[in-house]
Amino acid sequence: MTVMAMRTLRWSCCLTMLLVGSVQAGTVTAYTALEEDEIAAYVAAAKTALPDVALKVLRLSTGDLSARILAEAANPQHDVIWGLGVTNMLDPRIQALLEPYTPKGADKLPPRARGADGRWFAATGYMAAFCVNTERLKAKGLPSPRDWSDLLDPKYKGEVVMPNPVSSGTGYLQVAGILQQQGEEAGWKLIKGLDANVAQYIKSGSRPCKVARAGEFAIGVSLAFAAIQSVEEGFPVTMVIPAGGAGYELEASGLMRTSKNPADAKRFLDWTLSEAAAALYGRYKEIVTTPGYKPSAAFIKAGLPEDVSAALVRMDFDMSAKMRSAILERWQKEIGR
């Protein structure tokens, strides 16, 4: 079978469609919130493992993808959800669209990485981290922050950028992580105090790190992989994982009950838990739930702890999902900009 060249189509709403393979009976359409560079690597590997399946991938940010899935609920256009934040996946309206399916290997995942009802599982995840530009800190005479509370100091005013929790899964996990770690009253006090020093809220979870590493701001509150990538590429960046613990999110996958090609959709979901897929995850993810994973030497050198779980806030994903609307509504009312 001839493999089409991969191409990225950017729409005005910033969505990406990555097409691999020719249109045929074995087509599987996946909706995802994974990052574009990793999608390309995964799709290439999946194509090798499943040469008779034409895989179409529609990529959107976490918030936008959830909105699209709900907008199409009466007539879904995809076979699988692949790598959507579990907090979003647990929305009852999305859960109702999923068919219980336990892919091969899912029984070996830790309980926190799979739904008790078999409607979702998560092979990967991401965690909050600060991208700290050491050159800008030095030029400004500022110390490096160690925890969220340090960012409340007025000396950081205008030097902090964060993702917008309404559109960014990374932004929401940061807010949810603070609230679950600190408690509601203390958590909102910290979030509002931090807002006084935030220069911008950016739609993307990785973008705050990119603008910080470019020297536009001193601190980009982002995700660990973006910081690791910046360190590896030689930018003057240090990764700081909040000393009190980092909020995190798992990336959930599941089978649509309306799938037009459930047999191949199941094969694809099986592949996402295969050894071949797991070998790729460690290049792009700071959290990998498949058995036997250990961070690479390069990730550890960049500042990721060998035992990632010890650096994480104990997240209650059901609570994050249940409170999502209320938390975002309050954030928009009291902070939104």
Protein backbone atom coordinates (compact mmCIF):
# COMPACT_ATOMS: atom_id res chain seq x y z
CA MET A 1 0.00 0.00 0.00
CA THR A 2 1.28 3.48 -0.83
CA VAL A 3 1.82 5.70 2.19
CA MET A 4 0.87 9.32 1.64
CA ALA A 5 3.26 12.01 2.81
CA MET A 6 2.20 13.37 6.16
CA ARG A 7 0.87 16.89 6.00
CA THR A 8 -0.39 19.37 8.53
CA LEU A 9 -3.41 21.52 7.76
CA ARG A 10 -3.89 24.52 10.03
CA TRP A 11 -7.42 25.83 10.37
CA SER A 12 -8.37 29.16 11.83
CA CYS A 13 -9.25 27.44 15.11
CA CYS A 14 -5.69 26.10 15.31
CA LEU A 15 -6.64 22.47 14.69
CA THR A 16 -4.36 20.08 12.91
CA MET A 17 -5.25 17.13 10.73
CA LEU A 18 -2.50 14.62 10.14
CA LEU A 19 -3.30 12.08 7.43
CA VAL A 20 -1.33 8.87 6.91
CA GLY A 21 -2.31 6.18 4.44
CA SER A 22 -4.86 6.10 1.67
CA VAL A 23 -8.59 6.17 2.36
CA GLN A 24 -9.80 2.57 2.49
CA ALA A 25 -12.08 0.20 4.38
CA GLY A 26 -9.50 -0.04 7.18
CA THR A 27 -9.56 3.66 8.05
CA VAL A 28 -9.44 4.61 11.74
CA THR A 29 -9.99 8.24 12.76
CA ALA A 30 -8.47 9.33 16.06
CA TYR A 31 -9.13 12.60 17.87
CA THR A 32 -6.21 13.63 20.06
CA ALA A 33 -4.74 16.37 22.23
CA LEU A 34 -1.20 14.97 22.03
CA GLU A 35 1.54 17.30 20.79
CA GLU A 36 2.20 17.44 17.05
CA ASP A 37 5.83 16.26 17.12
CA GLU A 38 5.02 13.13 19.11
CA ILE A 39 1.94 12.38 16.99
CA ALA A 40 4.14 12.19 13.90
CA ALA A 41 6.49 9.69 15.58
CA TYR A 42 3.66 7.53 16.95
CA VAL A 43 1.76 7.49 13.65
CA ALA A 44 4.87 6.40 11.74
CA ALA A 45 5.41 3.53 14.18
CA ALA A 46 1.75 2.54 14.15
CA LYS A 47 1.83 2.45 10.37
CA THR A 48 4.67 -0.06 10.50
CA ALA A 49 2.80 -2.24 12.99
CA LEU A 50 -0.59 -1.89 11.28
CA PRO A 51 0.19 -1.48 7.56
CA ASP A 52 -3.36 -2.35 6.51
CA VAL A 53 -4.89 0.46 8.59
CA ALA A 54 -5.18 4.04 7.30
CA LEU A 55 -4.90 6.26 10.35
CA LYS A 56 -6.39 9.76 10.34
CA VAL A 57 -5.55 12.01 13.26
CA LEU A 58 -7.29 15.23 14.19
CA ARG A 59 -5.34 17.25 16.74
CA LEU A 60 -6.71 20.05 18.96
CA SER A 61 -5.78 21.50 22.33
CA THR A 62 -7.45 19.75 25.27
CA GLY A 63 -10.24 22.26 25.81
CA ASP A 64 -10.99 22.70 22.13
CA LEU A 65 -10.98 18.95 21.49
CA SER A 66 -13.45 18.29 24.31
CA ALA A 67 -15.72 20.99 22.91
CA ARG A 68 -15.54 19.44 19.44
CA ILE A 69 -16.31 15.94 20.73
CA LEU A 70 -19.37 17.27 22.55
CA ALA A 71 -20.48 19.35 19.57
CA GLU A 72 -20.41 16.22 17.39
CA ALA A 73 -22.01 13.98 20.04
CA ALA A 74 -25.12 13.36 17.94
CA ASN A 75 -23.00 12.25 14.97
CA PRO A 76 -19.40 11.41 16.01
CA GLN A 77 -16.83 11.56 13.24
CA HIS A 78 -14.10 9.53 14.95
CA ASP A 79 -13.43 5.96 16.05
CA VAL A 80 -11.19 6.56 19.05
CA ILE A 81 -10.18 9.25 21.49
CA TRP A 82 -6.41 9.10 21.82
CA GLY A 83 -4.58 11.00 24.54
CA LEU A 84 -7.20 13.37 25.96
CA GLY A 85 -6.69 14.67 29.49
CA VAL A 86 -8.40 12.21 31.82
CA THR A 87 -10.09 15.08 33.65
CA ASN A 88 -11.86 15.90 30.39
CA MET A 89 -12.41 12.25 29.53
CA LEU A 90 -14.31 11.77 32.80
CA ASP A 91 -16.96 14.28 31.73
CA PRO A 92 -20.16 12.17 31.90
CA ARG A 93 -21.19 13.44 28.46
CA ILE A 94 -17.96 12.07 26.95
CA GLN A 95 -18.11 8.88 29.00
CA ALA A 96 -21.54 8.22 27.50
CA LEU A 97 -19.98 8.20 24.03
CA LEU A 98 -17.42 5.50 24.88
CA GLU A 99 -17.67 1.74 24.53
CA PRO A 100 -16.04 -0.32 27.31
CA TYR A 101 -12.94 -2.01 25.91
CA THR A 102 -9.88 -3.35 27.68
CA PRO A 103 -6.94 -3.37 25.27
CA LYS A 104 -4.17 -5.93 25.53
CA GLY A 105 -1.85 -4.95 28.38
CA ALA A 106 -4.30 -2.63 30.13
CA ASP A 107 -4.52 -5.02 33.08
CA LYS A 108 -0.84 -4.30 33.79
CA LEU A 109 -1.40 -0.57 34.15
CA PRO A 110 -1.69 0.87 37.68
CA PRO A 111 -5.30 1.37 38.82
CA ARG A 112 -5.00 5.16 38.57
CA ALA A 113 -4.26 4.76 34.84
CA ARG A 114 -7.44 2.91 33.83
CA GLY A 115 -11.15 3.31 34.32
CA ALA A 116 -12.87 0.76 36.52
CA ASP A 117 -15.61 0.43 33.92
CA GLY A 118 -13.16 -0.14 31.04
CA ARG A 119 -14.11 3.04 29.18
CA TRP A 120 -10.62 4.57 29.27
CA PHE A 121 -6.96 3.89 29.94
CA ALA A 122 -3.89 6.11 30.00
CA ALA A 123 -0.40 5.15 28.83
CA THR A 124 1.13 8.59 29.34
CA GLY A 125 0.78 11.84 31.23
CA TYR A 126 2.34 15.21 31.89
CA MET A 127 3.16 17.31 34.94
CA ALA A 128 3.57 20.96 35.84
CA ALA A 129 7.03 22.55 35.91
CA PHE A 130 8.59 26.01 35.73
CA CYS A 131 10.82 26.92 32.78
CA VAL A 132 13.25 29.39 34.34
CA ASN A 133 15.43 31.51 32.07
CA THR A 134 18.68 31.80 34.02
CA GLU A 135 20.08 34.61 31.88
CA ARG A 136 17.05 36.83 32.38
CA LEU A 137 17.01 36.09 36.10
CA LYS A 138 20.65 37.13 36.33
CA ALA A 139 20.05 40.30 34.31
CA LYS A 140 17.12 41.20 36.57
CA GLY A 141 18.91 40.24 39.77
CA LEU A 142 16.23 37.70 40.65
CA PRO A 143 16.60 34.39 42.52
CA SER A 144 15.26 31.18 41.04
CA PRO A 145 11.86 30.17 42.46
CA ARG A 146 11.50 26.78 44.15
CA ASP A 147 7.77 26.55 44.67
CA TRP A 148 4.46 28.21 43.83
CA SER A 149 4.63 30.40 46.92
CA ASP A 150 7.89 31.96 45.71
CA LEU A 151 6.09 33.31 42.64
CA LEU A 152 3.93 35.50 44.89
CA ASP A 153 6.90 37.79 45.60
CA PRO A 154 6.31 41.23 43.97
CA LYS A 155 9.81 41.14 42.52
CA TYR A 156 8.54 38.68 39.91
CA LYS A 157 5.79 41.04 38.72
CA GLY A 158 5.51 40.90 34.93
CA GLU A 159 8.06 38.08 34.67
CA VAL A 160 5.67 35.12 34.86
CA VAL A 161 3.59 33.63 32.04
CA MET A 162 1.09 30.78 32.46
CA PRO A 163 -1.29 28.74 30.31
CA ASN A 164 -4.95 29.69 30.35
CA PRO A 165 -6.81 26.91 32.21
CA VAL A 166 -9.93 27.38 30.09
CA SER A 167 -8.24 26.32 26.86
CA SER A 168 -5.17 24.45 28.11
CA GLY A 169 -5.17 21.09 29.86
CA THR A 170 -1.81 22.01 31.35
CA GLY A 171 -3.28 25.24 32.68
CA TYR A 172 -6.19 23.42 34.28
CA LEU A 173 -4.01 20.75 35.92
CA GLN A 174 -1.92 23.56 37.46
CA VAL A 175 -4.99 25.21 38.98
CA ALA A 176 -6.52 21.87 40.05
CA GLY A 177 -3.19 20.74 41.49
CA ILE A 178 -2.86 23.89 43.59
CA LEU A 179 -6.43 23.57 44.89
CA GLN A 180 -6.03 19.89 45.75
CA GLN A 181 -2.69 20.45 47.43
CA GLN A 182 -3.55 23.64 49.32
CA GLY A 183 -7.27 23.22 49.90
CA GLU A 184 -9.91 25.49 48.40
CA GLU A 185 -9.49 28.63 50.51
CA ALA A 186 -5.68 28.66 50.58
CA GLY A 187 -5.52 27.49 46.98
CA TRP A 188 -7.65 30.31 45.61
CA LYS A 189 -5.71 32.79 47.71
CA LEU A 190 -2.48 31.56 46.11
CA ILE A 191 -3.96 31.58 42.59
CA LYS A 192 -5.23 35.16 42.97
CA GLY A 193 -1.97 36.28 44.56
CA LEU A 194 -0.03 34.75 41.71
CA ASP A 195 -2.22 36.57 39.19
CA ALA A 196 -0.73 39.88 40.34
CA ASN A 197 2.63 38.81 38.90
CA VAL A 198 1.41 37.06 35.73
CA ALA A 199 2.11 39.05 32.57
CA GLN A 200 0.06 36.84 30.25
CA TYR A 201 -2.15 33.76 30.18
CA ILE A 202 -1.39 31.84 27.01
CA LYS A 203 -3.70 29.36 25.27
CA SER A 204 -1.06 26.63 24.92
CA GLY A 205 0.50 24.59 27.72
CA SER A 206 3.96 24.48 26.12
CA ARG A 207 4.03 28.06 24.84
CA PRO A 208 4.88 29.68 28.22
CA CYS A 209 8.09 27.70 28.25
CA LYS A 210 8.92 28.71 24.70
CA VAL A 211 8.53 32.44 25.35
CA ALA A 212 10.55 32.14 28.56
CA ARG A 213 13.39 30.28 26.89
CA ALA A 214 13.46 33.00 24.22
CA GLY A 215 14.11 35.54 26.98
CA GLU A 216 10.79 37.38 26.74
CA PHE A 217 9.99 36.51 30.36
CA ALA A 218 11.90 34.98 33.24
CA ILE A 219 9.51 32.19 34.18
CA GLY A 220 7.19 30.14 32.00
CA VAL A 221 4.83 27.98 34.04
CA SER A 222 4.45 25.02 31.72
CA LEU A 223 4.92 21.26 31.62
CA ALA A 224 8.03 19.25 32.39
CA PHE A 225 8.65 17.95 28.88
CA ALA A 226 8.71 21.46 27.43
CA ALA A 227 11.35 22.38 30.01
CA ILE A 228 13.37 19.21 29.37
CA GLN A 229 13.25 19.82 25.62
CA SER A 230 14.46 23.40 26.13
CA VAL A 231 17.38 22.25 28.28
CA GLU A 232 18.35 19.58 25.75
CA GLU A 233 18.26 22.10 22.91
CA GLY A 234 20.72 24.35 24.72
CA PHE A 235 18.49 27.21 25.83
CA PRO A 236 19.46 29.02 29.06
CA VAL A 237 16.68 27.24 30.94
CA THR A 238 16.50 25.38 34.21
CA MET A 239 13.55 23.13 34.98
CA VAL A 240 12.03 23.67 38.42
CA ILE A 241 9.47 21.18 39.67
CA PRO A 242 7.43 22.81 42.49
CA ALA A 243 9.01 21.66 45.76
CA GLY A 244 5.66 20.94 47.37
CA GLY A 245 4.59 18.72 44.50
CA ALA A 246 3.50 19.15 40.90
CA GLY A 247 -0.03 18.77 39.62
CA TYR A 248 -0.30 16.27 36.78
CA GLU A 249 -2.67 14.89 34.20
CA LEU A 250 -2.96 11.53 32.51
CA GLU A 251 -3.74 11.25 28.80
CA ALA A 252 -6.69 8.93 28.31
CA SER A 253 -7.73 6.87 25.31
CA GLY A 254 -10.91 4.98 24.56
CA LEU A 255 -13.16 3.43 21.91
CA MET A 256 -16.17 5.32 20.56
CA ARG A 257 -19.34 3.21 20.69
CA THR A 258 -20.26 4.66 17.28
CA SER A 259 -17.00 3.57 15.65
CA LYS A 260 -17.50 2.67 12.01
CA ASN A 261 -14.48 0.34 12.16
CA PRO A 262 -14.36 -1.09 15.70
CA ALA A 263 -12.16 -4.05 14.82
CA ASP A 264 -9.29 -1.91 13.55
CA ALA A 265 -9.95 0.75 16.18
CA LYS A 266 -9.37 -1.92 18.84
CA ARG A 267 -6.18 -3.02 17.08
CA PHE A 268 -4.93 0.54 17.18
CA LEU A 269 -5.75 0.92 20.88
CA ASP A 270 -3.95 -2.38 21.53
CA TRP A 271 -0.93 -0.97 19.71
CA THR A 272 -0.83 2.11 21.97
CA LEU A 273 0.01 -0.23 24.88
CA SER A 274 2.53 -2.29 22.92
CA GLU A 275 6.24 -2.43 23.71
CA ALA A 276 6.96 -0.57 20.46
CA ALA A 277 4.71 2.31 21.50
CA ALA A 278 6.06 2.36 25.07
CA ALA A 279 9.60 2.63 23.71
CA LEU A 280 8.61 5.89 22.00
CA TYR A 281 6.77 7.43 24.94
CA GLY A 282 9.95 7.93 26.93
CA ARG A 283 11.21 10.35 24.26
CA TYR A 284 8.27 12.71 24.73
CA LYS A 285 6.69 12.06 28.12
CA GLU A 286 7.74 12.62 31.70
CA ILE A 287 4.99 10.26 32.90
CA VAL A 288 4.67 6.80 31.35
CA THR A 289 2.39 4.29 33.07
CA THR A 290 3.39 1.14 31.18
CA PRO A 291 5.36 -1.38 33.28
CA GLY A 292 9.13 -1.06 33.51
CA TYR A 293 9.43 2.58 32.47
CA LYS A 294 12.32 4.59 33.88
CA PRO A 295 13.26 8.15 32.83
CA SER A 296 16.19 8.36 30.45
CA ALA A 297 19.58 9.65 31.60
CA ALA A 298 18.96 12.80 29.53
CA PHE A 299 15.65 13.48 31.30
CA ILE A 300 17.26 12.97 34.71
CA LYS A 301 20.15 15.25 33.75
CA ALA A 302 17.59 17.92 32.83
CA GLY A 303 16.11 17.71 36.33
CA LEU A 304 13.44 15.01 36.24
CA PRO A 305 13.60 12.79 39.36
CA GLU A 306 14.17 9.08 38.87
CA ASP A 307 10.98 8.41 40.83
CA VAL A 308 8.57 10.80 39.15
CA SER A 309 5.66 9.72 41.34
CA ALA A 310 7.38 11.16 44.43
CA ALA A 311 7.25 14.65 42.87
CA LEU A 312 3.52 14.58 42.11
CA VAL A 313 0.55 15.96 43.99
CA ARG A 314 -1.93 13.20 44.83
CA MET A 315 -4.56 14.12 42.28
CA ASP A 316 -8.19 13.09 42.58
CA PHE A 317 -9.17 13.01 38.91
CA ASP A 318 -12.83 12.34 39.63
CA MET A 319 -12.88 15.49 41.76
CA SER A 320 -11.01 17.45 39.08
CA ALA A 321 -13.61 16.39 36.53
CA LYS A 322 -16.60 17.02 38.80
CA MET A 323 -15.41 20.48 39.82
CA ARG A 324 -14.05 21.51 36.43
CA SER A 325 -16.94 23.75 35.35
CA ALA A 326 -17.18 25.44 38.75
CA ILE A 327 -13.41 25.99 38.96
CA LEU A 328 -13.18 27.45 35.46
CA GLU A 329 -16.24 29.62 36.02
CA ARG A 330 -14.69 31.06 39.16
CA TRP A 331 -11.32 31.52 37.45
CA GLN A 332 -12.94 33.43 34.59
CA LYS A 333 -14.98 35.56 36.96
CA GLU A 334 -12.14 36.47 39.33
CA ILE A 335 -9.08 36.31 37.07
CA GLY A 336 -9.93 35.67 33.42
CA ARG A 337 -7.97 37.82 31.02
